[in-house]
Amino acid sequence: MFQRVLVALILSAGAGWPAALTVDSKDAKPGETVTVAVHLASDGVALTGFQADVEFDGRAMEVTGAAGERAAQSGKQFAGRLLEMGRYRMLLIGLNRNRIADGEVVVLTVKVGAAAGGEYSLRLSRLTGTDGDGNPVTLNATAGKLTVRP
């Protein structure tokens, strides 16, 4: 038993941390439209595509997305759709095996409602990633914050 645990620890030592997606935080005014970047830190993981949901307060804002600079450089296409109020699904894929480089991978456009005020979370959930061979890649996420003040 001890030998199996030791072998598992040795094999996982080089695995590194999972790739991470981080949503920037931003300030906005009621009625304003702002862009918020989503950044990738791959930690050496060969991520070639991913899907994630952006969760937000749908009563206070609307969210859409587009491919960021690093996604475009790797030949990836962006698809996004509002699933329900407060949940926007984004998919970044390509018909290639190109790795997505670290940096800005998605740009969210946030249209703040005229009556909005306070702090709102922009949280990523239901994350799935893939490598060039179609194997799953673990993704972690850090939420951003939108602070709305007049």
N, C-alpha and C. Protein backbone atom coordinates (compact mmCIF):
# COMPACT_ATOMS: atom_id res chain seq x y z
N MET A 1 0.82 -1.19 0.00
CA MET A 1 0.00 0.00 0.00
C MET A 1 0.87 1.26 0.00
N PHE A 2 1.88 1.29 0.86
CA PHE A 2 2.77 2.44 0.95
C PHE A 2 3.44 2.71 -0.39
N GLN A 3 3.85 1.63 -1.09
CA GLN A 3 4.52 1.79 -2.37
C GLN A 3 3.59 2.41 -3.42
N ARG A 4 2.33 2.01 -3.41
CA ARG A 4 1.37 2.57 -4.36
C ARG A 4 1.17 4.07 -4.12
N VAL A 5 1.07 4.46 -2.87
CA VAL A 5 0.90 5.87 -2.54
C VAL A 5 2.14 6.65 -2.95
N LEU A 6 3.32 6.10 -2.69
CA LEU A 6 4.57 6.76 -3.06
C LEU A 6 4.67 6.93 -4.58
N VAL A 7 4.32 5.91 -5.34
CA VAL A 7 4.35 5.99 -6.80
C VAL A 7 3.35 7.06 -7.28
N ALA A 8 2.16 7.10 -6.71
CA ALA A 8 1.16 8.10 -7.10
C ALA A 8 1.66 9.51 -6.81
N LEU A 9 2.31 9.70 -5.68
CA LEU A 9 2.85 11.03 -5.35
C LEU A 9 3.96 11.44 -6.31
N ILE A 10 4.82 10.51 -6.65
CA ILE A 10 5.91 10.81 -7.58
C ILE A 10 5.36 11.16 -8.96
N LEU A 11 4.38 10.39 -9.44
CA LEU A 11 3.81 10.64 -10.76
C LEU A 11 3.05 11.96 -10.81
N SER A 12 2.42 12.34 -9.71
CA SER A 12 1.64 13.59 -9.72
C SER A 12 2.50 14.81 -9.42
N ALA A 13 3.73 14.62 -9.00
CA ALA A 13 4.58 15.76 -8.64
C ALA A 13 4.83 16.68 -9.81
N GLY A 14 4.93 16.16 -11.01
CA GLY A 14 5.17 17.00 -12.18
C GLY A 14 3.91 17.50 -12.84
N ALA A 15 2.75 17.16 -12.29
CA ALA A 15 1.49 17.51 -12.94
C ALA A 15 1.19 19.00 -12.85
N GLY A 16 1.74 19.71 -11.87
CA GLY A 16 1.49 21.14 -11.74
C GLY A 16 0.09 21.42 -11.25
N TRP A 17 -0.24 22.69 -11.24
CA TRP A 17 -1.57 23.12 -10.82
C TRP A 17 -2.48 23.14 -12.03
N PRO A 18 -3.79 23.08 -11.79
CA PRO A 18 -4.70 23.19 -12.92
C PRO A 18 -4.59 24.57 -13.57
N ALA A 19 -4.99 24.64 -14.82
CA ALA A 19 -5.07 25.93 -15.50
C ALA A 19 -6.13 26.77 -14.78
N ALA A 20 -5.97 28.09 -14.84
CA ALA A 20 -6.89 28.97 -14.12
C ALA A 20 -7.40 30.08 -15.01
N LEU A 21 -8.68 30.37 -14.89
CA LEU A 21 -9.30 31.50 -15.56
C LEU A 21 -9.65 32.54 -14.49
N THR A 22 -9.27 33.79 -14.72
CA THR A 22 -9.51 34.86 -13.76
C THR A 22 -10.29 35.97 -14.44
N VAL A 23 -11.40 36.37 -13.83
CA VAL A 23 -12.20 37.47 -14.33
C VAL A 23 -11.71 38.75 -13.65
N ASP A 24 -11.40 39.77 -14.44
CA ASP A 24 -10.97 41.05 -13.88
C ASP A 24 -12.10 41.70 -13.08
N SER A 25 -11.74 42.60 -12.20
CA SER A 25 -12.71 43.44 -11.49
C SER A 25 -12.71 44.81 -12.14
N LYS A 26 -13.84 45.48 -12.06
CA LYS A 26 -14.00 46.75 -12.77
C LYS A 26 -14.98 47.64 -12.03
N ASP A 27 -14.82 48.96 -12.21
CA ASP A 27 -15.78 49.95 -11.72
C ASP A 27 -16.62 50.42 -12.89
N ALA A 28 -17.88 50.74 -12.63
CA ALA A 28 -18.77 51.24 -13.67
C ALA A 28 -19.81 52.17 -13.05
N LYS A 29 -20.46 52.91 -13.91
CA LYS A 29 -21.56 53.79 -13.50
C LYS A 29 -22.87 53.19 -13.99
N PRO A 30 -23.98 53.49 -13.33
CA PRO A 30 -25.28 53.00 -13.82
C PRO A 30 -25.50 53.45 -15.27
N GLY A 31 -26.00 52.53 -16.10
CA GLY A 31 -26.26 52.82 -17.49
C GLY A 31 -25.06 52.71 -18.41
N GLU A 32 -23.88 52.47 -17.87
CA GLU A 32 -22.64 52.41 -18.64
C GLU A 32 -22.40 51.00 -19.18
N THR A 33 -21.68 50.91 -20.30
CA THR A 33 -21.23 49.63 -20.84
C THR A 33 -19.72 49.56 -20.69
N VAL A 34 -19.23 48.48 -20.06
CA VAL A 34 -17.80 48.31 -19.82
C VAL A 34 -17.35 46.95 -20.34
N THR A 35 -16.06 46.82 -20.61
CA THR A 35 -15.50 45.53 -20.97
C THR A 35 -14.70 44.99 -19.79
N VAL A 36 -14.79 43.68 -19.62
CA VAL A 36 -14.11 42.98 -18.53
C VAL A 36 -13.37 41.80 -19.13
N ALA A 37 -12.07 41.72 -18.91
CA ALA A 37 -11.25 40.65 -19.47
C ALA A 37 -11.28 39.40 -18.60
N VAL A 38 -11.17 38.26 -19.28
CA VAL A 38 -10.97 36.97 -18.62
C VAL A 38 -9.59 36.49 -19.04
N HIS A 39 -8.74 36.22 -18.07
CA HIS A 39 -7.35 35.84 -18.33
C HIS A 39 -7.10 34.37 -18.02
N LEU A 40 -6.25 33.76 -18.83
CA LEU A 40 -5.82 32.38 -18.62
C LEU A 40 -4.41 32.36 -18.07
N ALA A 41 -4.20 31.54 -17.05
CA ALA A 41 -2.87 31.19 -16.55
C ALA A 41 -2.80 29.66 -16.61
N SER A 42 -2.13 29.13 -17.62
CA SER A 42 -2.18 27.69 -17.89
C SER A 42 -1.26 26.85 -17.03
N ASP A 43 -0.25 27.46 -16.43
CA ASP A 43 0.74 26.73 -15.64
C ASP A 43 1.30 25.53 -16.41
N GLY A 44 1.51 25.74 -17.71
CA GLY A 44 2.11 24.68 -18.53
C GLY A 44 1.13 23.68 -19.09
N VAL A 45 -0.15 23.77 -18.74
CA VAL A 45 -1.16 22.86 -19.27
C VAL A 45 -1.46 23.23 -20.71
N ALA A 46 -1.56 22.26 -21.59
CA ALA A 46 -1.80 22.51 -23.02
C ALA A 46 -3.30 22.63 -23.29
N LEU A 47 -3.91 23.71 -22.86
CA LEU A 47 -5.33 23.94 -23.05
C LEU A 47 -5.57 24.38 -24.49
N THR A 48 -6.50 23.69 -25.18
CA THR A 48 -6.82 24.05 -26.57
C THR A 48 -8.26 24.50 -26.75
N GLY A 49 -9.07 24.40 -25.71
CA GLY A 49 -10.45 24.85 -25.77
C GLY A 49 -11.10 24.74 -24.41
N PHE A 50 -12.18 25.51 -24.21
CA PHE A 50 -12.91 25.41 -22.94
C PHE A 50 -14.33 25.92 -23.08
N GLN A 51 -15.12 25.55 -22.09
CA GLN A 51 -16.49 26.04 -21.95
C GLN A 51 -16.66 26.49 -20.51
N ALA A 52 -17.37 27.59 -20.32
CA ALA A 52 -17.65 28.07 -18.97
C ALA A 52 -18.92 28.91 -19.00
N ASP A 53 -19.60 28.95 -17.88
CA ASP A 53 -20.76 29.82 -17.71
C ASP A 53 -20.35 31.02 -16.88
N VAL A 54 -20.80 32.19 -17.30
CA VAL A 54 -20.62 33.40 -16.50
C VAL A 54 -21.92 33.61 -15.73
N GLU A 55 -21.82 33.65 -14.41
CA GLU A 55 -22.98 33.90 -13.57
C GLU A 55 -22.92 35.34 -13.07
N PHE A 56 -24.05 36.04 -13.16
CA PHE A 56 -24.12 37.45 -12.81
C PHE A 56 -25.55 37.79 -12.39
N ASP A 57 -25.74 38.97 -11.87
CA ASP A 57 -27.07 39.43 -11.48
C ASP A 57 -27.78 39.95 -12.72
N GLY A 58 -28.65 39.15 -13.28
CA GLY A 58 -29.36 39.49 -14.50
C GLY A 58 -30.36 40.63 -14.36
N ARG A 59 -30.69 41.00 -13.13
CA ARG A 59 -31.59 42.14 -12.91
C ARG A 59 -30.82 43.45 -13.01
N ALA A 60 -29.50 43.38 -12.85
CA ALA A 60 -28.68 44.59 -12.80
C ALA A 60 -27.84 44.80 -14.05
N MET A 61 -27.67 43.77 -14.89
CA MET A 61 -26.77 43.89 -16.04
C MET A 61 -27.06 42.84 -17.08
N GLU A 62 -26.51 43.08 -18.28
CA GLU A 62 -26.50 42.11 -19.37
C GLU A 62 -25.04 41.81 -19.69
N VAL A 63 -24.75 40.56 -20.04
CA VAL A 63 -23.38 40.16 -20.34
C VAL A 63 -23.34 39.43 -21.68
N THR A 64 -22.37 39.80 -22.51
CA THR A 64 -22.06 39.08 -23.74
C THR A 64 -20.54 38.93 -23.79
N GLY A 65 -20.04 38.17 -24.75
CA GLY A 65 -18.60 37.95 -24.81
C GLY A 65 -18.06 37.89 -26.21
N ALA A 66 -16.75 37.91 -26.31
CA ALA A 66 -16.03 37.79 -27.58
C ALA A 66 -14.65 37.20 -27.29
N ALA A 67 -14.02 36.67 -28.32
CA ALA A 67 -12.67 36.11 -28.17
C ALA A 67 -11.69 37.21 -27.81
N GLY A 68 -10.82 36.92 -26.87
CA GLY A 68 -9.76 37.84 -26.50
C GLY A 68 -8.55 37.66 -27.41
N GLU A 69 -7.54 38.47 -27.18
CA GLU A 69 -6.35 38.49 -28.03
C GLU A 69 -5.67 37.13 -28.13
N ARG A 70 -5.45 36.46 -27.00
CA ARG A 70 -4.74 35.17 -27.02
C ARG A 70 -5.55 34.08 -27.72
N ALA A 71 -6.87 34.13 -27.59
CA ALA A 71 -7.71 33.15 -28.26
C ALA A 71 -7.64 33.34 -29.77
N ALA A 72 -7.72 34.59 -30.20
CA ALA A 72 -7.66 34.88 -31.64
C ALA A 72 -6.30 34.47 -32.22
N GLN A 73 -5.23 34.71 -31.48
CA GLN A 73 -3.88 34.35 -31.96
C GLN A 73 -3.72 32.85 -32.14
N SER A 74 -4.47 32.07 -31.39
CA SER A 74 -4.36 30.61 -31.49
C SER A 74 -5.38 30.02 -32.48
N GLY A 75 -6.11 30.88 -33.16
CA GLY A 75 -7.06 30.40 -34.17
C GLY A 75 -8.34 29.84 -33.60
N LYS A 76 -8.74 30.30 -32.43
CA LYS A 76 -9.97 29.81 -31.79
C LYS A 76 -11.14 30.72 -32.12
N GLN A 77 -12.32 30.13 -32.13
CA GLN A 77 -13.55 30.87 -32.33
C GLN A 77 -14.34 30.92 -31.02
N PHE A 78 -15.07 32.01 -30.85
CA PHE A 78 -15.88 32.20 -29.66
C PHE A 78 -17.35 32.02 -30.01
N ALA A 79 -18.05 31.32 -29.16
CA ALA A 79 -19.51 31.23 -29.26
C ALA A 79 -20.07 31.48 -27.88
N GLY A 80 -21.13 32.27 -27.81
CA GLY A 80 -21.74 32.56 -26.52
C GLY A 80 -23.24 32.67 -26.66
N ARG A 81 -23.93 32.38 -25.55
CA ARG A 81 -25.39 32.40 -25.58
C ARG A 81 -25.91 32.61 -24.16
N LEU A 82 -26.92 33.45 -24.05
CA LEU A 82 -27.60 33.62 -22.77
C LEU A 82 -28.48 32.41 -22.54
N LEU A 83 -28.21 31.65 -21.48
CA LEU A 83 -28.99 30.44 -21.19
C LEU A 83 -30.25 30.78 -20.42
N GLU A 84 -30.12 31.72 -19.51
CA GLU A 84 -31.24 32.20 -18.71
C GLU A 84 -30.79 33.50 -18.08
N MET A 85 -31.71 34.23 -17.50
CA MET A 85 -31.32 35.49 -16.89
C MET A 85 -30.24 35.23 -15.83
N GLY A 86 -29.10 35.87 -16.01
CA GLY A 86 -28.01 35.71 -15.06
C GLY A 86 -27.01 34.60 -15.36
N ARG A 87 -27.16 33.94 -16.53
CA ARG A 87 -26.22 32.87 -16.88
C ARG A 87 -25.93 32.93 -18.39
N TYR A 88 -24.66 33.23 -18.71
CA TYR A 88 -24.21 33.33 -20.10
C TYR A 88 -23.15 32.26 -20.34
N ARG A 89 -23.41 31.36 -21.29
CA ARG A 89 -22.44 30.30 -21.60
C ARG A 89 -21.50 30.75 -22.70
N MET A 90 -20.21 30.48 -22.49
CA MET A 90 -19.22 30.80 -23.51
C MET A 90 -18.40 29.56 -23.83
N LEU A 91 -18.07 29.45 -25.11
CA LEU A 91 -17.34 28.31 -25.63
C LEU A 91 -16.21 28.86 -26.51
N LEU A 92 -15.01 28.39 -26.26
CA LEU A 92 -13.85 28.82 -27.03
C LEU A 92 -13.22 27.57 -27.63
N ILE A 93 -13.34 27.41 -28.96
CA ILE A 93 -12.88 26.20 -29.62
C ILE A 93 -12.27 26.53 -30.97
N GLY A 94 -11.65 25.55 -31.57
CA GLY A 94 -11.10 25.71 -32.90
C GLY A 94 -10.86 24.35 -33.53
N LEU A 95 -10.86 24.31 -34.85
CA LEU A 95 -10.58 23.06 -35.55
C LEU A 95 -9.08 22.94 -35.77
N ASN A 96 -8.36 23.08 -34.65
CA ASN A 96 -6.91 22.95 -34.67
C ASN A 96 -6.47 22.44 -33.30
N ARG A 97 -5.22 22.11 -33.18
CA ARG A 97 -4.68 21.63 -31.91
C ARG A 97 -3.82 22.69 -31.25
N ASN A 98 -3.97 23.94 -31.67
CA ASN A 98 -3.15 25.02 -31.14
C ASN A 98 -3.47 25.28 -29.68
N ARG A 99 -2.42 25.40 -28.92
CA ARG A 99 -2.54 25.70 -27.49
C ARG A 99 -2.91 27.17 -27.32
N ILE A 100 -3.78 27.46 -26.36
CA ILE A 100 -4.15 28.83 -26.05
C ILE A 100 -3.10 29.38 -25.08
N ALA A 101 -2.45 30.47 -25.48
CA ALA A 101 -1.40 31.06 -24.65
C ALA A 101 -2.00 31.82 -23.47
N ASP A 102 -1.19 31.98 -22.44
CA ASP A 102 -1.61 32.74 -21.27
C ASP A 102 -1.91 34.18 -21.65
N GLY A 103 -2.88 34.76 -20.99
CA GLY A 103 -3.26 36.15 -21.23
C GLY A 103 -4.75 36.27 -21.40
N GLU A 104 -5.16 37.35 -22.06
CA GLU A 104 -6.58 37.64 -22.25
C GLU A 104 -7.19 36.70 -23.28
N VAL A 105 -8.12 35.84 -22.83
CA VAL A 105 -8.73 34.86 -23.72
C VAL A 105 -10.17 35.21 -24.08
N VAL A 106 -10.85 35.97 -23.24
CA VAL A 106 -12.23 36.38 -23.48
C VAL A 106 -12.38 37.82 -23.04
N VAL A 107 -13.19 38.57 -23.78
CA VAL A 107 -13.57 39.92 -23.37
C VAL A 107 -15.08 39.93 -23.18
N LEU A 108 -15.50 40.18 -21.94
CA LEU A 108 -16.93 40.28 -21.64
C LEU A 108 -17.37 41.73 -21.80
N THR A 109 -18.51 41.93 -22.42
CA THR A 109 -19.12 43.25 -22.51
C THR A 109 -20.29 43.27 -21.53
N VAL A 110 -20.23 44.18 -20.57
CA VAL A 110 -21.23 44.25 -19.51
C VAL A 110 -21.99 45.56 -19.65
N LYS A 111 -23.28 45.44 -19.90
CA LYS A 111 -24.17 46.59 -20.00
C LYS A 111 -24.88 46.73 -18.66
N VAL A 112 -24.50 47.76 -17.91
CA VAL A 112 -25.01 47.97 -16.56
C VAL A 112 -26.37 48.65 -16.64
N GLY A 113 -27.32 48.16 -15.87
CA GLY A 113 -28.65 48.75 -15.83
C GLY A 113 -28.64 50.13 -15.19
N ALA A 114 -29.59 50.96 -15.58
CA ALA A 114 -29.67 52.33 -15.08
C ALA A 114 -29.93 52.39 -13.57
N ALA A 115 -30.60 51.37 -13.02
CA ALA A 115 -30.93 51.37 -11.60
C ALA A 115 -29.93 50.57 -10.76
N ALA A 116 -28.87 50.06 -11.38
CA ALA A 116 -27.90 49.23 -10.66
C ALA A 116 -27.06 50.07 -9.71
N GLY A 117 -26.64 49.45 -8.63
CA GLY A 117 -25.75 50.09 -7.67
C GLY A 117 -25.22 49.08 -6.68
N GLY A 118 -23.95 49.18 -6.32
CA GLY A 118 -23.35 48.26 -5.36
C GLY A 118 -22.31 47.37 -6.02
N GLU A 119 -22.03 46.25 -5.37
CA GLU A 119 -21.04 45.30 -5.86
C GLU A 119 -21.72 44.06 -6.40
N TYR A 120 -21.26 43.60 -7.54
CA TYR A 120 -21.83 42.43 -8.19
C TYR A 120 -20.71 41.47 -8.57
N SER A 121 -20.96 40.18 -8.40
CA SER A 121 -19.98 39.15 -8.75
C SER A 121 -20.13 38.75 -10.21
N LEU A 122 -19.01 38.53 -10.86
CA LEU A 122 -18.96 37.92 -12.19
C LEU A 122 -18.20 36.61 -12.01
N ARG A 123 -18.95 35.53 -11.87
CA ARG A 123 -18.39 34.25 -11.47
C ARG A 123 -18.45 33.24 -12.61
N LEU A 124 -17.38 32.48 -12.78
CA LEU A 124 -17.35 31.41 -13.77
C LEU A 124 -17.72 30.09 -13.11
N SER A 125 -18.57 29.32 -13.76
CA SER A 125 -18.97 28.01 -13.24
C SER A 125 -19.05 27.02 -14.40
N ARG A 126 -19.26 25.76 -14.07
CA ARG A 126 -19.41 24.69 -15.07
C ARG A 126 -18.27 24.71 -16.09
N LEU A 127 -17.06 24.79 -15.58
CA LEU A 127 -15.87 24.86 -16.44
C LEU A 127 -15.47 23.48 -16.93
N THR A 128 -15.20 23.39 -18.21
CA THR A 128 -14.63 22.18 -18.80
C THR A 128 -13.57 22.63 -19.81
N GLY A 129 -12.47 21.93 -19.82
CA GLY A 129 -11.39 22.25 -20.74
C GLY A 129 -10.94 21.00 -21.47
N THR A 130 -10.19 21.21 -22.56
CA THR A 130 -9.68 20.09 -23.33
C THR A 130 -8.27 20.40 -23.83
N ASP A 131 -7.52 19.33 -24.07
CA ASP A 131 -6.21 19.50 -24.70
C ASP A 131 -6.32 19.12 -26.17
N GLY A 132 -5.23 19.14 -26.89
CA GLY A 132 -5.23 18.86 -28.32
C GLY A 132 -5.63 17.46 -28.70
N ASP A 133 -5.61 16.52 -27.75
CA ASP A 133 -6.02 15.15 -28.01
C ASP A 133 -7.44 14.86 -27.54
N GLY A 134 -8.13 15.90 -27.06
CA GLY A 134 -9.50 15.72 -26.59
C GLY A 134 -9.60 15.25 -25.15
N ASN A 135 -8.47 15.22 -24.44
CA ASN A 135 -8.49 14.82 -23.04
C ASN A 135 -8.98 15.97 -22.18
N PRO A 136 -9.67 15.66 -21.08
CA PRO A 136 -10.15 16.74 -20.20
C PRO A 136 -8.99 17.46 -19.51
N VAL A 137 -9.17 18.75 -19.32
CA VAL A 137 -8.21 19.59 -18.60
C VAL A 137 -8.95 20.24 -17.45
N THR A 138 -8.40 20.12 -16.25
CA THR A 138 -9.01 20.73 -15.07
C THR A 138 -8.79 22.24 -15.10
N LEU A 139 -9.86 22.98 -14.86
CA LEU A 139 -9.80 24.44 -14.82
C LEU A 139 -10.31 24.94 -13.48
N ASN A 140 -9.61 25.89 -12.92
CA ASN A 140 -10.09 26.61 -11.74
C ASN A 140 -10.48 28.01 -12.18
N ALA A 141 -11.27 28.68 -11.37
CA ALA A 141 -11.70 30.03 -11.74
C ALA A 141 -11.68 30.95 -10.53
N THR A 142 -11.37 32.22 -10.79
CA THR A 142 -11.44 33.27 -9.79
C THR A 142 -12.43 34.31 -10.30
N ALA A 143 -13.41 34.60 -9.48
CA ALA A 143 -14.48 35.54 -9.86
C ALA A 143 -13.94 36.97 -9.87
N GLY A 144 -14.60 37.79 -10.67
CA GLY A 144 -14.34 39.21 -10.69
C GLY A 144 -15.48 39.93 -9.99
N LYS A 145 -15.29 41.23 -9.80
CA LYS A 145 -16.29 42.03 -9.12
C LYS A 145 -16.55 43.28 -9.95
N LEU A 146 -17.82 43.58 -10.15
CA LEU A 146 -18.21 44.82 -10.81
C LEU A 146 -18.79 45.74 -9.73
N THR A 147 -18.13 46.87 -9.52
CA THR A 147 -18.59 47.84 -8.53
C THR A 147 -19.27 48.99 -9.28
N VAL A 148 -20.55 49.18 -9.00
CA VAL A 148 -21.33 50.20 -9.69
C VAL A 148 -21.63 51.35 -8.72
N ARG A 149 -21.13 52.52 -9.11
CA ARG A 149 -21.34 53.75 -8.33
C ARG A 149 -21.69 54.89 -9.27
N PRO A 150 -22.56 55.82 -8.82
CA PRO A 150 -22.89 56.97 -9.69
C PRO A 150 -21.69 57.86 -9.95
